[in-house]
Protein backbone atom coordinates (compact mmCIF):
# COMPACT_ATOMS: atom_id res chain seq x y z
CA UNK A 1 -0.17 -0.17 0.04
CA UNK A 2 1.52 3.33 -0.98
CA UNK A 3 2.51 5.76 1.92
CA UNK A 4 3.44 9.35 2.09
CA UNK A 5 6.22 10.32 4.74
CA UNK A 6 4.93 13.46 6.13
CA UNK A 7 7.83 14.01 8.49
CA UNK A 8 10.08 11.76 10.20
CA UNK A 9 7.30 10.98 12.68
CA UNK A 10 4.32 11.05 10.49
CA UNK A 11 3.40 8.35 8.12
CA UNK A 12 0.31 8.95 5.58
CA UNK A 13 -1.63 5.80 4.18
CA UNK A 14 -4.46 6.69 2.16
CA UNK A 15 -6.60 9.40 3.89
CA UNK A 16 -5.37 8.71 7.48
CA UNK A 17 -2.22 10.54 8.94
CA UNK A 18 -0.24 8.06 11.55
CA UNK A 19 1.75 10.14 14.21
CA UNK A 20 4.75 8.15 16.06
CA UNK A 21 6.74 9.16 18.96
CA UNK A 22 9.71 7.53 17.95
CA UNK A 23 11.21 7.70 14.20
CA UNK A 24 12.46 3.96 14.28
CA UNK A 25 8.73 2.96 14.90
CA UNK A 26 7.44 5.14 12.13
CA UNK A 27 10.31 3.57 9.97
CA UNK A 28 9.04 -0.06 10.75
CA UNK A 29 5.24 1.22 10.29
CA UNK A 30 6.00 2.09 6.84
CA UNK A 31 8.27 -0.65 5.97
CA UNK A 32 5.22 -2.85 7.33
CA UNK A 33 2.69 -1.12 5.29
CA UNK A 34 4.35 -1.79 2.08
CA UNK A 35 4.27 -5.65 2.79
CA UNK A 36 1.11 -6.10 4.22
CA UNK A 37 -2.17 -4.49 5.63
CA UNK A 38 -2.38 -1.66 7.80
CA UNK A 39 -4.28 -3.41 10.66
CA UNK A 40 -1.60 -5.79 11.18
CA UNK A 41 0.75 -3.00 11.18
CA UNK A 42 -1.09 -0.70 13.74
CA UNK A 43 -0.96 -3.79 15.90
CA UNK A 44 2.86 -4.51 15.67
CA UNK A 45 3.91 -0.90 15.62
CA UNK A 46 1.34 1.02 17.15
CA UNK A 47 1.06 4.70 16.36
CA UNK A 48 1.18 7.53 19.30
CA UNK A 49 -2.10 8.89 17.47
CA UNK A 50 -3.86 8.97 14.28
CA UNK A 51 -6.49 11.05 12.58
CA UNK A 52 -8.10 11.46 9.25
CA UNK A 53 -6.93 14.11 6.84
CA UNK A 54 -8.71 16.98 6.31
CA UNK A 55 -8.97 18.20 2.74
CA UNK A 56 -6.15 20.83 3.08
CA UNK A 57 -3.69 18.30 4.50
CA UNK A 58 -4.60 16.33 1.18
CA UNK A 59 -3.80 19.19 -1.20
CA UNK A 60 -0.32 19.88 0.81
CA UNK A 61 0.73 16.13 0.44
CA UNK A 62 -0.05 16.02 -3.27
CA UNK A 63 2.27 19.10 -3.51
CA UNK A 64 5.07 17.06 -1.86
CA UNK A 65 4.93 14.16 -3.87
CA UNK A 66 5.58 16.22 -7.28
């Protein structure tokens, strides 16, 4: 599943933003999502918090990809 690394501790998957306390956990979560489903990765590498992206968050993420 494609991800966008928003910051060193923030990983976007689809329309959800996962926020981590530790960079290494964010790294492991991102690698996990590339290989398996998000629900499994949330259990193995739990984020500190997660939130749905607002429309303006989605637009700024698209600008980072190009």
